[in-house]
Amino acid sequence: MWPYARRGTRFYGDVDERFPSKLVDELFDVNDSAIKLWLPERLLAGLDVLSCEAGVSRPDVLRALLFMHAYGRVEFMHLVRRIVKNKAEGDPMFSIASLRRRGTAQAVRMKYLGKSKDDLKLELPRMLKQSLESLAQRSNEGVSPYIRRILARELLPESEYLDWQDAEAAATEAAD
């Protein structure tokens, strides 16, 4: 939350009554599925910063970001509260040049995000993977490009993200 906060919460009720969890019976504690991702350097660097600051692994940061994307930040906080409540030991986290001249969508992505040179196999709960696949399908994208776009949205300033999307759309139109 905001690092310069000057006071605590003014809400003292039951958060489960105020905004009930729809996933109350799901724990997401078993990573029984996997997705292979190709992530650009800039997104990997952003994930590394979040990983370092949170003191958790890069896959843990990815799982948390993707969970929040698929189910919402409030649902993530419900999950963290349930895990902290149920675990006395308590870790609440899951176990962030020539092509440019051509003007292709790939070149635009490289300009804004860097080259996707590292592949990453992310193990995650099956239900989360299915939710991401469904969301990607609804967006008419593959899972890896969809996740790359979601991470760019989360990790980059909004103005850079919008510049990238506009440039990519223009490059796609020019190619058609």
Protein backbone atom coordinates (compact mmCIF):
# COMPACT_ATOMS: atom_id res chain seq x y z
CA MET A 1 0.00 0.00 0.00
CA TRP A 2 0.98 3.65 -0.01
CA PRO A 3 4.37 4.06 1.74
CA TYR A 4 3.55 7.52 3.12
CA ALA A 5 0.33 6.51 4.86
CA ARG A 6 -0.34 8.54 7.99
CA ARG A 7 -3.11 6.51 9.56
CA GLY A 8 -4.51 3.04 9.67
CA THR A 9 -7.80 1.70 8.44
CA ARG A 10 -11.09 3.19 9.46
CA PHE A 11 -12.96 0.00 8.67
CA TYR A 12 -13.45 -2.29 11.64
CA GLY A 13 -16.11 -4.68 10.36
CA ASP A 14 -15.86 -8.15 8.86
CA VAL A 15 -14.24 -7.91 5.43
CA ASP A 16 -15.76 -11.25 4.46
CA GLU A 17 -19.23 -9.74 4.87
CA ARG A 18 -18.30 -6.52 3.11
CA PHE A 19 -16.75 -8.18 0.03
CA PRO A 20 -17.12 -11.97 0.27
CA SER A 21 -14.60 -14.26 -1.38
CA LYS A 22 -15.90 -16.33 -4.29
CA LEU A 23 -12.93 -18.69 -3.94
CA VAL A 24 -13.24 -19.37 -0.22
CA ASP A 25 -12.85 -23.14 -0.66
CA GLU A 26 -9.88 -22.90 -3.04
CA LEU A 27 -6.33 -22.77 -1.68
CA PHE A 28 -4.23 -22.69 -4.88
CA ASP A 29 -1.46 -24.36 -2.91
CA VAL A 30 -0.54 -27.05 -5.46
CA ASN A 31 1.22 -26.03 -8.67
CA ASP A 32 -0.03 -28.94 -10.78
CA SER A 33 0.12 -27.27 -14.18
CA ALA A 34 2.62 -25.27 -16.24
CA ILE A 35 2.80 -22.53 -18.85
CA LYS A 36 5.85 -21.83 -21.00
CA LEU A 37 6.44 -18.11 -21.42
CA TRP A 38 8.83 -16.03 -23.48
CA LEU A 39 9.27 -12.76 -21.62
CA PRO A 40 11.15 -9.68 -22.79
CA GLU A 41 14.14 -8.37 -20.86
CA ARG A 42 12.30 -5.34 -19.50
CA LEU A 43 9.49 -7.42 -18.00
CA LEU A 44 11.98 -9.87 -16.48
CA ALA A 45 13.86 -6.94 -14.95
CA GLY A 46 10.60 -5.63 -13.47
CA LEU A 47 9.80 -9.06 -12.05
CA ASP A 48 13.30 -9.20 -10.56
CA VAL A 49 12.75 -5.86 -8.79
CA LEU A 50 9.44 -7.08 -7.32
CA SER A 51 11.04 -10.41 -6.40
CA CYS A 52 13.90 -8.69 -4.59
CA GLU A 53 11.66 -6.23 -2.74
CA ALA A 54 9.15 -8.90 -1.67
CA GLY A 55 11.83 -11.45 -0.81
CA VAL A 56 10.18 -14.15 -2.92
CA SER A 57 11.09 -15.94 -6.13
CA ARG A 58 10.30 -14.67 -9.63
CA PRO A 59 7.72 -17.48 -10.15
CA ASP A 60 6.01 -16.47 -6.89
CA VAL A 61 5.76 -12.89 -8.12
CA LEU A 62 4.36 -14.11 -11.45
CA ARG A 63 1.79 -16.36 -9.79
CA ALA A 64 0.65 -13.50 -7.54
CA LEU A 65 0.34 -11.01 -10.43
CA LEU A 66 -1.51 -13.51 -12.60
CA PHE A 67 -3.83 -14.47 -9.73
CA MET A 68 -4.67 -10.80 -9.15
CA HIS A 69 -5.30 -10.36 -12.86
CA ALA A 70 -7.56 -13.40 -13.13
CA TYR A 71 -9.48 -13.04 -9.86
CA GLY A 72 -8.84 -9.50 -8.58
CA ARG A 73 -6.67 -7.92 -5.93
CA VAL A 74 -9.33 -8.22 -3.23
CA GLU A 75 -9.64 -11.97 -3.87
CA PHE A 76 -5.84 -12.21 -3.57
CA MET A 77 -5.96 -10.46 -0.19
CA HIS A 78 -8.67 -12.91 0.92
CA LEU A 79 -6.40 -15.79 -0.12
CA VAL A 80 -3.43 -14.31 1.78
CA ARG A 81 -5.59 -13.81 4.91
CA ARG A 82 -6.86 -17.41 4.75
CA ILE A 83 -3.36 -18.80 4.41
CA VAL A 84 -1.94 -16.66 7.21
CA LYS A 85 -4.87 -17.66 9.40
CA ASN A 86 -4.47 -21.37 8.59
CA LYS A 87 -0.67 -21.55 8.81
CA ALA A 88 1.09 -20.80 12.03
CA GLU A 89 4.49 -20.87 10.31
CA GLY A 90 3.09 -18.39 7.89
CA ASP A 91 4.56 -17.70 4.45
CA PRO A 92 1.42 -16.31 2.78
CA MET A 93 2.83 -16.21 -0.75
CA PHE A 94 2.52 -18.89 -3.37
CA SER A 95 5.11 -21.76 -2.94
CA ILE A 96 7.25 -9.47 -11.76
CA ALA A 97 17.62 -2.06 -35.25
CA SER A 98 16.83 -3.85 -38.48
CA LEU A 99 13.53 -5.05 -37.25
CA ARG A 100 12.68 -1.54 -36.10
CA ARG A 101 13.09 -0.26 -39.64
CA ARG A 102 10.59 -2.84 -40.88
CA GLY A 103 7.89 -1.55 -38.49
CA THR A 104 6.37 -4.94 -37.66
CA ALA A 105 4.35 -5.63 -34.51
CA GLN A 106 7.29 -7.75 -33.31
CA ALA A 107 9.70 -4.85 -33.89
CA VAL A 108 7.43 -2.50 -31.98
CA ARG A 109 7.27 -4.95 -29.07
CA MET A 110 11.08 -5.19 -29.10
CA LYS A 111 11.39 -1.40 -29.07
CA TYR A 112 9.16 -1.04 -26.00
CA LEU A 113 9.89 -4.26 -24.07
CA GLY A 114 13.17 -5.66 -25.37
CA LYS A 115 13.89 -9.02 -26.96
CA SER A 116 12.16 -12.13 -25.61
CA LYS A 117 15.31 -14.16 -25.19
CA ASP A 118 14.57 -16.13 -22.04
CA ASP A 119 11.96 -18.81 -21.82
CA LEU A 120 10.38 -19.48 -18.48
CA LYS A 121 8.40 -22.48 -17.37
CA LEU A 122 5.92 -21.28 -14.76
CA GLU A 123 4.28 -23.93 -12.61
CA LEU A 124 0.94 -22.82 -11.25
CA PRO A 125 -2.36 -24.19 -9.96
CA ARG A 126 -4.48 -25.81 -12.67
CA MET A 127 -7.51 -23.62 -11.90
CA LEU A 128 -5.42 -20.46 -12.38
CA LYS A 129 -3.99 -21.79 -15.67
CA GLN A 130 -7.50 -22.60 -16.94
CA SER A 131 -8.71 -19.12 -16.00
CA LEU A 132 -5.78 -17.52 -17.85
CA GLU A 133 -6.36 -19.72 -20.92
CA SER A 134 -10.02 -18.72 -20.94
CA LEU A 135 -9.18 -15.01 -20.64
CA ALA A 136 -6.56 -15.30 -23.40
CA GLN A 137 -9.06 -17.05 -25.65
CA ARG A 138 -11.64 -14.31 -25.03
CA SER A 139 -8.98 -11.79 -26.11
CA ASN A 140 -8.14 -13.85 -29.23
CA GLU A 141 -4.55 -14.31 -28.05
CA GLY A 142 -2.29 -17.18 -27.15
CA VAL A 143 -1.57 -17.63 -23.44
CA SER A 144 2.05 -16.44 -23.59
CA PRO A 145 1.34 -13.21 -25.56
CA TYR A 146 -1.66 -12.56 -23.31
CA ILE A 147 0.45 -12.91 -20.16
CA ARG A 148 3.19 -10.76 -21.70
CA ARG A 149 0.61 -8.00 -22.31
CA ILE A 150 -0.81 -8.33 -18.79
CA LEU A 151 2.67 -8.11 -17.25
CA ALA A 152 3.49 -5.07 -19.37
CA ARG A 153 0.29 -3.47 -18.10
CA GLU A 154 1.24 -4.22 -14.50
CA LEU A 155 4.96 -3.44 -14.63
CA LEU A 156 5.29 -0.48 -17.03
CA PRO A 157 4.01 3.05 -16.56
CA GLU A 158 0.58 3.38 -18.17
CA SER A 159 1.85 5.96 -20.68
CA GLU A 160 4.53 3.54 -21.96
CA TYR A 161 2.03 0.70 -22.14
CA LEU A 162 -0.38 2.83 -24.19
CA ASP A 163 2.44 4.04 -26.47
CA TRP A 164 3.39 0.40 -27.10
CA GLN A 165 -0.21 -0.61 -27.83
CA ASP A 166 -0.72 2.33 -30.20
CA ALA A 167 2.54 1.65 -32.06
CA GLU A 168 1.77 -2.07 -32.31
CA ALA A 169 -1.72 -1.36 -33.67
CA ALA A 170 -0.28 1.03 -36.26
CA ALA A 171 2.33 -1.54 -37.31
CA THR A 172 -0.35 -4.23 -37.62
CA GLU A 173 -2.56 -1.96 -39.75
CA ALA A 174 0.37 -1.06 -41.98
CA ALA A 175 1.14 -4.76 -42.51
CA ASP A 176 -2.45 -5.50 -43.61
